[in-house]
C-alpha cells in the first residue's frame, strides 16, 4: 500500500507566476500576454512544473497542490507550495 507524503517544493519566481495563472484556469497564450513572455516559454514552464510535481497534465497538477489559504495566498502568487506524492509500495 502506498502512503501519501508531503514535501515542500522551491519554485523560481517565474514558475510561481505561471502556476498562479494555471490555477486560475488560464491558457498558455493568456499567461504569456500577462507576463510579457512568449507562449512557447509559458509551455516550457508548464512542462517544468509537470516534472517537478510528477504529473502529466493540468488537472493532475491542480490536484497535487495545497495552498495555505489562511495565509491569504488564495488570490496572490504563492510563496509556498506543497506536493502530495505516493511513496512506498
PDB file of N, CA and C in Angstrom:
ATOM      1  N   UNK A   1       0.840  -1.175   0.000  1.00  0.00           N
ATOM      2  CA  UNK A   1       0.000   0.000   0.000  1.00  0.00           C
ATOM      3  C   UNK A   1       0.885   1.236   0.000  1.00  0.00           C
ATOM      4  N   UNK A   2       0.588   2.180  -0.863  1.00  0.00           N
ATOM      5  CA  UNK A   2       1.363   3.407  -0.952  1.00  0.00           C
ATOM      6  C   UNK A   2       0.811   4.437   0.018  1.00  0.00           C
ATOM      7  N   UNK A   3       1.718   5.160   0.653  1.00  0.00           N
ATOM      8  CA  UNK A   3       1.328   6.216   1.574  1.00  0.00           C
ATOM      9  C   UNK A   3       1.568   7.570   0.918  1.00  0.00           C
ATOM     10  N   UNK A   4       0.773   8.540   1.289  1.00  0.00           N
ATOM     11  CA  UNK A   4       0.954   9.886   0.742  1.00  0.00           C
ATOM     12  C   UNK A   4       1.989  10.615   1.577  1.00  0.00           C
ATOM     13  N   UNK A   5       2.897  11.273   0.918  1.00  0.00           N
ATOM     14  CA  UNK A   5       3.915  12.067   1.590  1.00  0.00           C
ATOM     15  C   UNK A   5       3.801  13.500   1.099  1.00  0.00           C
ATOM     16  N   UNK A   6       4.078  14.438   1.982  1.00  0.00           N
ATOM     17  CA  UNK A   6       4.031  15.842   1.613  1.00  0.00           C
ATOM     18  C   UNK A   6       5.428  16.406   1.687  1.00  0.00           C
ATOM     19  N   UNK A   7       5.826  17.100   0.644  1.00  0.00           N
ATOM     20  CA  UNK A   7       7.124  17.746   0.629  1.00  0.00           C
ATOM     21  C   UNK A   7       6.957  19.170   0.127  1.00  0.00           C
ATOM     22  N   UNK A   8       7.799  20.059   0.612  1.00  0.00           N
ATOM     23  CA  UNK A   8       7.800  21.431   0.121  1.00  0.00           C
ATOM     24  C   UNK A   8       8.655  21.497  -1.128  1.00  0.00           C
ATOM     25  N   UNK A   9       8.252  22.325  -2.059  1.00  0.00           N
ATOM     26  CA  UNK A   9       8.961  22.458  -3.323  1.00  0.00           C
ATOM     27  C   UNK A   9       9.331  23.917  -3.514  1.00  0.00           C
ATOM     28  N   UNK A  10      10.595  24.177  -3.813  1.00  0.00           N
ATOM     29  CA  UNK A  10      11.033  25.537  -4.093  1.00  0.00           C
ATOM     30  C   UNK A  10      10.887  25.789  -5.591  1.00  0.00           C
ATOM     31  N   UNK A  11      10.125  26.809  -5.932  1.00  0.00           N
ATOM     32  CA  UNK A  11       9.930  27.181  -7.331  1.00  0.00           C
ATOM     33  C   UNK A  11      10.585  28.526  -7.589  1.00  0.00           C
ATOM     34  N   UNK A  12      10.979  28.726  -8.832  1.00  0.00           N
ATOM     35  CA  UNK A  12      11.509  30.028  -9.216  1.00  0.00           C
ATOM     36  C   UNK A  12      10.358  31.036  -9.220  1.00  0.00           C
ATOM     37  N   UNK A  13      10.659  32.315  -9.144  1.00  0.00           N
ATOM     38  CA  UNK A  13       9.587  33.312  -9.203  1.00  0.00           C
ATOM     39  C   UNK A  13       8.722  33.160 -10.457  1.00  0.00           C
ATOM     40  N   UNK A  14       9.305  32.880 -11.600  1.00  0.00           N
ATOM     41  CA  UNK A  14       8.527  32.753 -12.831  1.00  0.00           C
ATOM     42  C   UNK A  14       7.667  31.494 -12.803  1.00  0.00           C
ATOM     43  N   UNK A  15       8.210  30.389 -12.259  1.00  0.00           N
ATOM     44  CA  UNK A  15       7.407  29.180 -12.131  1.00  0.00           C
ATOM     45  C   UNK A  15       6.199  29.440 -11.232  1.00  0.00           C
ATOM     46  N   UNK A  16       6.403  30.188 -10.145  1.00  0.00           N
ATOM     47  CA  UNK A  16       5.287  30.532  -9.259  1.00  0.00           C
ATOM     48  C   UNK A  16       4.250  31.378  -9.991  1.00  0.00           C
ATOM     49  N   UNK A  17       4.716  32.329 -10.802  1.00  0.00           N
ATOM     50  CA  UNK A  17       3.785  33.167 -11.570  1.00  0.00           C
ATOM     51  C   UNK A  17       2.935  32.315 -12.504  1.00  0.00           C
ATOM     52  N   UNK A  18       3.596  31.434 -13.252  1.00  0.00           N
ATOM     53  CA  UNK A  18       2.875  30.577 -14.200  1.00  0.00           C
ATOM     54  C   UNK A  18       1.907  29.673 -13.450  1.00  0.00           C
ATOM     55  N   UNK A  19       2.332  29.108 -12.350  1.00  0.00           N
ATOM     56  CA  UNK A  19       1.478  28.245 -11.555  1.00  0.00           C
ATOM     57  C   UNK A  19       0.251  28.992 -11.044  1.00  0.00           C
ATOM     58  N   UNK A  20       0.448  30.222 -10.608  1.00  0.00           N
ATOM     59  CA  UNK A  20      -0.664  31.048 -10.137  1.00  0.00           C
ATOM     60  C   UNK A  20      -1.740  31.175 -11.207  1.00  0.00           C
ATOM     61  N   UNK A  21      -1.328  31.495 -12.426  1.00  0.00           N
ATOM     62  CA  UNK A  21      -2.296  31.678 -13.506  1.00  0.00           C
ATOM     63  C   UNK A  21      -2.882  30.353 -13.999  1.00  0.00           C
ATOM     64  N   UNK A  22      -2.098  29.276 -13.925  1.00  0.00           N
ATOM     65  CA  UNK A  22      -2.642  27.956 -14.245  1.00  0.00           C
ATOM     66  C   UNK A  22      -3.787  27.615 -13.298  1.00  0.00           C
ATOM     67  N   UNK A  23      -3.598  27.916 -12.015  1.00  0.00           N
ATOM     68  CA  UNK A  23      -4.647  27.642 -11.025  1.00  0.00           C
ATOM     69  C   UNK A  23      -5.919  28.402 -11.324  1.00  0.00           C
ATOM     70  N   UNK A  24      -5.788  29.527 -11.984  1.00  0.00           N
ATOM     71  CA  UNK A  24      -6.960  30.325 -12.356  1.00  0.00           C
ATOM     72  C   UNK A  24      -7.596  29.819 -13.648  1.00  0.00           C
ATOM     73  N   UNK A  25      -7.007  28.777 -14.251  1.00  0.00           N
ATOM     74  CA  UNK A  25      -7.575  28.176 -15.444  1.00  0.00           C
ATOM     75  C   UNK A  25      -7.213  28.885 -16.742  1.00  0.00           C
ATOM     76  N   UNK A  26      -6.169  29.686 -16.704  1.00  0.00           N
ATOM     77  CA  UNK A  26      -5.786  30.442 -17.896  1.00  0.00           C
ATOM     78  C   UNK A  26      -4.997  29.576 -18.869  1.00  0.00           C
ATOM     79  N   UNK A  27      -5.144  29.898 -20.148  1.00  0.00           N
ATOM     80  CA  UNK A  27      -4.393  29.209 -21.204  1.00  0.00           C
ATOM     81  C   UNK A  27      -2.989  29.794 -21.310  1.00  0.00           C
ATOM     82  N   UNK A  28      -2.099  29.033 -21.954  1.00  0.00           N
ATOM     83  CA  UNK A  28      -0.713  29.459 -22.099  1.00  0.00           C
ATOM     84  C   UNK A  28      -0.597  30.834 -22.762  1.00  0.00           C
ATOM     85  N   UNK A  29      -1.369  31.060 -23.820  1.00  0.00           N
ATOM     86  CA  UNK A  29      -1.300  32.345 -24.535  1.00  0.00           C
ATOM     87  C   UNK A  29      -1.694  33.499 -23.615  1.00  0.00           C
ATOM     88  N   UNK A  30      -2.729  33.288 -22.800  1.00  0.00           N
ATOM     89  CA  UNK A  30      -3.169  34.333 -21.869  1.00  0.00           C
ATOM     90  C   UNK A  30      -2.097  34.613 -20.823  1.00  0.00           C
ATOM     91  N   UNK A  31      -1.502  33.552 -20.310  1.00  0.00           N
ATOM     92  CA  UNK A  31      -0.447  33.705 -19.309  1.00  0.00           C
ATOM     93  C   UNK A  31       0.731  34.463 -19.910  1.00  0.00           C
ATOM     94  N   UNK A  32       1.110  34.090 -21.125  1.00  0.00           N
ATOM     95  CA  UNK A  32       2.217  34.761 -21.793  1.00  0.00           C
ATOM     96  C   UNK A  32       1.966  36.246 -21.965  1.00  0.00           C
ATOM     97  N   UNK A  33       0.754  36.596 -22.356  1.00  0.00           N
ATOM     98  CA  UNK A  33       0.410  38.005 -22.526  1.00  0.00           C
ATOM     99  C   UNK A  33       0.529  38.757 -21.208  1.00  0.00           C
ATOM    100  N   UNK A  34      -0.010  38.177 -20.142  1.00  0.00           N
ATOM    101  CA  UNK A  34       0.050  38.834 -18.832  1.00  0.00           C
ATOM    102  C   UNK A  34       1.473  38.990 -18.313  1.00  0.00           C
ATOM    103  N   UNK A  35       2.313  37.988 -18.581  1.00  0.00           N
ATOM    104  CA  UNK A  35       3.685  38.010 -18.064  1.00  0.00           C
ATOM    105  C   UNK A  35       4.675  38.635 -19.035  1.00  0.00           C
ATOM    106  N   UNK A  36       4.224  38.941 -20.246  1.00  0.00           N
ATOM    107  CA  UNK A  36       5.119  39.550 -21.231  1.00  0.00           C
ATOM    108  C   UNK A  36       6.150  38.581 -21.785  1.00  0.00           C
ATOM    109  N   UNK A  37       5.762  37.299 -21.895  1.00  0.00           N
ATOM    110  CA  UNK A  37       6.659  36.288 -22.451  1.00  0.00           C
ATOM    111  C   UNK A  37       5.916  35.529 -23.543  1.00  0.00           C
ATOM    112  N   UNK A  38       6.656  34.800 -24.361  1.00  0.00           N
ATOM    113  CA  UNK A  38       6.048  34.059 -25.463  1.00  0.00           C
ATOM    114  C   UNK A  38       5.308  32.833 -24.949  1.00  0.00           C
ATOM    115  N   UNK A  39       4.306  32.426 -25.725  1.00  0.00           N
ATOM    116  CA  UNK A  39       3.517  31.251 -25.356  1.00  0.00           C
ATOM    117  C   UNK A  39       4.397  30.014 -25.217  1.00  0.00           C
ATOM    118  N   UNK A  40       5.381  29.865 -26.098  1.00  0.00           N
ATOM    119  CA  UNK A  40       6.240  28.677 -26.008  1.00  0.00           C
ATOM    120  C   UNK A  40       7.087  28.699 -24.733  1.00  0.00           C
ATOM    121  N   UNK A  41       7.394  29.890 -24.223  1.00  0.00           N
ATOM    122  CA  UNK A  41       8.124  29.992 -22.960  1.00  0.00           C
ATOM    123  C   UNK A  41       7.217  29.558 -21.813  1.00  0.00           C
ATOM    124  N   UNK A  42       5.960  29.963 -21.872  1.00  0.00           N
ATOM    125  CA  UNK A  42       4.997  29.521 -20.860  1.00  0.00           C
ATOM    126  C   UNK A  42       4.895  28.001 -20.896  1.00  0.00           C
ATOM    127  N   UNK A  43       4.809  27.442 -22.092  1.00  0.00           N
ATOM    128  CA  UNK A  43       4.707  25.991 -22.239  1.00  0.00           C
ATOM    129  C   UNK A  43       5.911  25.295 -21.596  1.00  0.00           C
ATOM    130  N   UNK A  44       7.097  25.885 -21.742  1.00  0.00           N
ATOM    131  CA  UNK A  44       8.297  25.326 -21.128  1.00  0.00           C
ATOM    132  C   UNK A  44       8.149  25.299 -19.604  1.00  0.00           C
ATOM    133  N   UNK A  45       7.657  26.417 -19.042  1.00  0.00           N
ATOM    134  CA  UNK A  45       7.457  26.463 -17.594  1.00  0.00           C
ATOM    135  C   UNK A  45       6.395  25.460 -17.137  1.00  0.00           C
ATOM    136  N   UNK A  46       5.336  25.309 -17.904  1.00  0.00           N
ATOM    137  CA  UNK A  46       4.293  24.343 -17.566  1.00  0.00           C
ATOM    138  C   UNK A  46       4.884  22.937 -17.517  1.00  0.00           C
ATOM    139  N   UNK A  47       5.704  22.590 -18.497  1.00  0.00           N
ATOM    140  CA  UNK A  47       6.317  21.260 -18.505  1.00  0.00           C
ATOM    141  C   UNK A  47       7.311  21.093 -17.358  1.00  0.00           C
ATOM    142  N   UNK A  48       8.009  22.165 -16.996  1.00  0.00           N
ATOM    143  CA  UNK A  48       8.873  22.093 -15.816  1.00  0.00           C
ATOM    144  C   UNK A  48       8.050  21.782 -14.573  1.00  0.00           C
ATOM    145  N   UNK A  49       6.901  22.445 -14.457  1.00  0.00           N
ATOM    146  CA  UNK A  49       6.024  22.195 -13.307  1.00  0.00           C
ATOM    147  C   UNK A  49       5.514  20.762 -13.303  1.00  0.00           C
ATOM    148  N   UNK A  50       5.168  20.238 -14.475  1.00  0.00           N
ATOM    149  CA  UNK A  50       4.746  18.837 -14.563  1.00  0.00           C
ATOM    150  C   UNK A  50       5.845  17.919 -14.038  1.00  0.00           C
ATOM    151  N   UNK A  51       7.097  18.193 -14.435  1.00  0.00           N
ATOM    152  CA  UNK A  51       8.219  17.372 -13.972  1.00  0.00           C
ATOM    153  C   UNK A  51       8.422  17.502 -12.466  1.00  0.00           C
ATOM    154  N   UNK A  52       8.378  18.731 -11.965  1.00  0.00           N
ATOM    155  CA  UNK A  52       8.588  18.971 -10.535  1.00  0.00           C
ATOM    156  C   UNK A  52       7.554  18.233  -9.704  1.00  0.00           C
ATOM    157  N   UNK A  53       6.296  18.289 -10.136  1.00  0.00           N
ATOM    158  CA  UNK A  53       5.207  17.696  -9.365  1.00  0.00           C
ATOM    159  C   UNK A  53       4.857  16.286  -9.806  1.00  0.00           C
ATOM    160  N   UNK A  54       5.628  15.755 -10.760  1.00  0.00           N
ATOM    161  CA  UNK A  54       5.455  14.370 -11.214  1.00  0.00           C
ATOM    162  C   UNK A  54       4.030  14.102 -11.685  1.00  0.00           C
ATOM    163  N   UNK A  55       3.543  14.991 -12.571  1.00  0.00           N
ATOM    164  CA  UNK A  55       2.202  14.854 -13.145  1.00  0.00           C
ATOM    165  C   UNK A  55       2.315  14.963 -14.665  1.00  0.00           C
ATOM    166  N   UNK A  56       1.212  14.660 -15.352  1.00  0.00           N
ATOM    167  CA  UNK A  56       1.247  14.695 -16.813  1.00  0.00           C
ATOM    168  C   UNK A  56       0.286  15.704 -17.428  1.00  0.00           C
ATOM    169  N   UNK A  57      -0.571  16.325 -16.592  1.00  0.00           N
ATOM    170  CA  UNK A  57      -1.498  17.310 -17.146  1.00  0.00           C
ATOM    171  C   UNK A  57      -1.899  18.325 -16.074  1.00  0.00           C
ATOM    172  N   UNK A  58      -2.623  19.353 -16.506  1.00  0.00           N
ATOM    173  CA  UNK A  58      -3.009  20.451 -15.613  1.00  0.00           C
ATOM    174  C   UNK A  58      -3.949  19.994 -14.504  1.00  0.00           C
ATOM    175  N   UNK A  59      -4.825  19.061 -14.803  1.00  0.00           N
ATOM    176  CA  UNK A  59      -5.755  18.568 -13.795  1.00  0.00           C
ATOM    177  C   UNK A  59      -5.006  17.864 -12.673  1.00  0.00           C
ATOM    178  N   UNK A  60      -4.056  17.018 -13.041  1.00  0.00           N
ATOM    179  CA  UNK A  60      -3.248  16.339 -12.023  1.00  0.00           C
ATOM    180  C   UNK A  60      -2.437  17.352 -11.219  1.00  0.00           C
ATOM    181  N   UNK A  61      -1.927  18.367 -11.890  1.00  0.00           N
ATOM    182  CA  UNK A  61      -1.152  19.400 -11.200  1.00  0.00           C
ATOM    183  C   UNK A  61      -2.008  20.092 -10.150  1.00  0.00           C
ATOM    184  N   UNK A  62      -3.204  20.498 -10.534  1.00  0.00           N
ATOM    185  CA  UNK A  62      -4.100  21.168  -9.594  1.00  0.00           C
ATOM    186  C   UNK A  62      -4.423  20.265  -8.407  1.00  0.00           C
ATOM    187  N   UNK A  63      -4.604  18.976  -8.672  1.00  0.00           N
ATOM    188  CA  UNK A  63      -4.924  18.037  -7.610  1.00  0.00           C
ATOM    189  C   UNK A  63      -3.771  17.769  -6.660  1.00  0.00           C
ATOM    190  N   UNK A  64      -2.556  18.016  -7.101  1.00  0.00           N
ATOM    191  CA  UNK A  64      -1.394  17.722  -6.263  1.00  0.00           C
ATOM    192  C   UNK A  64      -0.979  18.903  -5.395  1.00  0.00           C
ATOM    193  N   UNK A  65      -1.656  20.034  -5.554  1.00  0.00           N
ATOM    194  CA  UNK A  65      -1.256  21.236  -4.823  1.00  0.00           C
ATOM    195  C   UNK A  65      -2.152  21.518  -3.641  1.00  0.00           C
ATOM    196  N   UNK A  66      -1.559  22.093  -2.626  1.00  0.00           N
ATOM    197  CA  UNK A  66      -2.313  22.579  -1.482  1.00  0.00           C
ATOM    198  C   UNK A  66      -1.734  23.931  -1.107  1.00  0.00           C
ATOM    199  N   UNK A  67      -2.568  24.924  -1.017  1.00  0.00           N
ATOM    200  CA  UNK A  67      -2.118  26.272  -0.688  1.00  0.00           C
ATOM    201  C   UNK A  67      -2.585  26.648   0.707  1.00  0.00           C
ATOM    202  N   UNK A  68      -1.853  27.508   1.309  1.00  0.00           N
ATOM    203  CA  UNK A  68      -2.175  27.964   2.646  1.00  0.00           C
ATOM    204  C   UNK A  68      -3.121  29.163   2.560  1.00  0.00           C
ATOM    205  N   UNK A  69      -4.419  28.878   2.425  1.00  0.00           N
ATOM    206  CA  UNK A  69      -5.403  29.949   2.275  1.00  0.00           C
ATOM    207  C   UNK A  69      -5.480  30.838   3.509  1.00  0.00           C
ATOM    208  N   UNK A  70      -5.238  30.275   4.665  1.00  0.00           N
ATOM    209  CA  UNK A  70      -5.312  31.090   5.877  1.00  0.00           C
ATOM    210  C   UNK A  70      -4.214  32.150   5.903  1.00  0.00           C
ATOM    211  N   UNK A  71      -3.185  31.975   5.086  1.00  0.00           N
ATOM    212  CA  UNK A  71      -2.116  32.976   4.996  1.00  0.00           C
ATOM    213  C   UNK A  71      -2.450  34.053   3.966  1.00  0.00           C
ATOM    214  N   UNK A  72      -3.644  33.971   3.383  1.00  0.00           N
ATOM    215  CA  UNK A  72      -4.070  34.990   2.439  1.00  0.00           C
ATOM    216  C   UNK A  72      -3.490  34.828   1.055  1.00  0.00           C
ATOM    217  N   UNK A  73      -3.144  33.615   0.664  1.00  0.00           N
ATOM    218  CA  UNK A  73      -2.479  33.391  -0.613  1.00  0.00           C
ATOM    219  C   UNK A  73      -3.441  32.961  -1.713  1.00  0.00           C
ATOM    220  N   UNK A  74      -4.721  32.901  -1.422  1.00  0.00           N
ATOM    221  CA  UNK A  74      -5.690  32.399  -2.391  1.00  0.00           C
ATOM    222  C   UNK A  74      -5.665  33.192  -3.698  1.00  0.00           C
ATOM    223  N   UNK A  75      -5.554  34.497  -3.640  1.00  0.00           N
ATOM    224  CA  UNK A  75      -5.634  35.325  -4.840  1.00  0.00           C
ATOM    225  C   UNK A  75      -4.332  36.032  -5.179  1.00  0.00           C
ATOM    226  N   UNK A  76      -3.228  35.539  -4.663  1.00  0.00           N
ATOM    227  CA  UNK A  76      -1.928  36.122  -4.973  1.00  0.00           C
ATOM    228  C   UNK A  76      -0.975  34.992  -5.330  1.00  0.00           C
ATOM    229  N   UNK A  77       0.090  35.293  -6.078  1.00  0.00           N
ATOM    230  CA  UNK A  77       1.061  34.243  -6.377  1.00  0.00           C
ATOM    231  C   UNK A  77       1.589  33.623  -5.089  1.00  0.00           C
ATOM    232  N   UNK A  78       1.681  32.308  -5.074  1.00  0.00           N
ATOM    233  CA  UNK A  78       2.079  31.607  -3.865  1.00  0.00           C
ATOM    234  C   UNK A  78       3.569  31.730  -3.605  1.00  0.00           C
ATOM    235  N   UNK A  79       3.930  31.629  -2.341  1.00  0.00           N
ATOM    236  CA  UNK A  79       5.335  31.610  -1.963  1.00  0.00           C
ATOM    237  C   UNK A  79       5.722  30.246  -1.414  1.00  0.00           C
ATOM    238  N   UNK A  80       4.739  29.440  -1.079  1.00  0.00           N
ATOM    239  CA  UNK A  80       4.999  28.106  -0.543  1.00  0.00           C
ATOM    240  C   UNK A  80       4.076  27.115  -1.225  1.00  0.00           C
ATOM    241  N   UNK A  81       4.634  26.044  -1.710  1.00  0.00           N
ATOM    242  CA  UNK A  81       3.857  25.031  -2.409  1.00  0.00           C
ATOM    243  C   UNK A  81       4.153  23.687  -1.783  1.00  0.00           C
ATOM    244  N   UNK A  82       3.112  22.909  -1.578  1.00  0.00           N
ATOM    245  CA  UNK A  82       3.274  21.552  -1.058  1.00  0.00           C
ATOM    246  C   UNK A  82       2.756  20.586  -2.109  1.00  0.00           C
ATOM    247  N   UNK A  83       3.458  19.487  -2.261  1.00  0.00           N
ATOM    248  CA  UNK A  83       3.032  18.471  -3.211  1.00  0.00           C
ATOM    249  C   UNK A  83       2.821  17.174  -2.456  1.00  0.00           C
ATOM    250  N   UNK A  84       1.752  16.475  -2.810  1.00  0.00           N
ATOM    251  CA  UNK A  84       1.442  15.172  -2.236  1.00  0.00           C
ATOM    252  C   UNK A  84       1.814  14.107  -3.253  1.00  0.00           C
ATOM    253  N   UNK A  85       2.655  13.195  -2.847  1.00  0.00           N
ATOM    254  CA  UNK A  85       3.074  12.108  -3.731  1.00  0.00           C
ATOM    255  C   UNK A  85       2.900  10.789  -3.007  1.00  0.00           C
ATOM    256  N   UNK A  86       2.577   9.758  -3.767  1.00  0.00           N
ATOM    257  CA  UNK A  86       2.514   8.420  -3.192  1.00  0.00           C
ATOM    258  C   UNK A  86       3.912   7.859  -3.083  1.00  0.00           C
ATOM    259  N   UNK A  87       4.227   7.340  -1.928  1.00  0.00           N
ATOM    260  CA  UNK A  87       5.535   6.743  -1.701  1.00  0.00           C
ATOM    261  C   UNK A  87       5.337   5.327  -1.187  1.00  0.00           C
ATOM    262  N   UNK A  88       6.339   4.535  -1.356  1.00  0.00           N
ATOM    263  CA  UNK A  88       6.255   3.148  -0.895  1.00  0.00           C
ATOM    264  C   UNK A  88       5.548   2.275  -1.894  1.00  0.00           C
ATOM    265  N   UNK A  89       5.255   1.061  -1.497  1.00  0.00           N
ATOM    266  CA  UNK A  89       4.543   0.147  -2.406  1.00  0.00           C
ATOM    267  C   UNK A  89       3.548  -0.691  -1.685  1.00  0.00           C
TER     268      UNK A  89
END
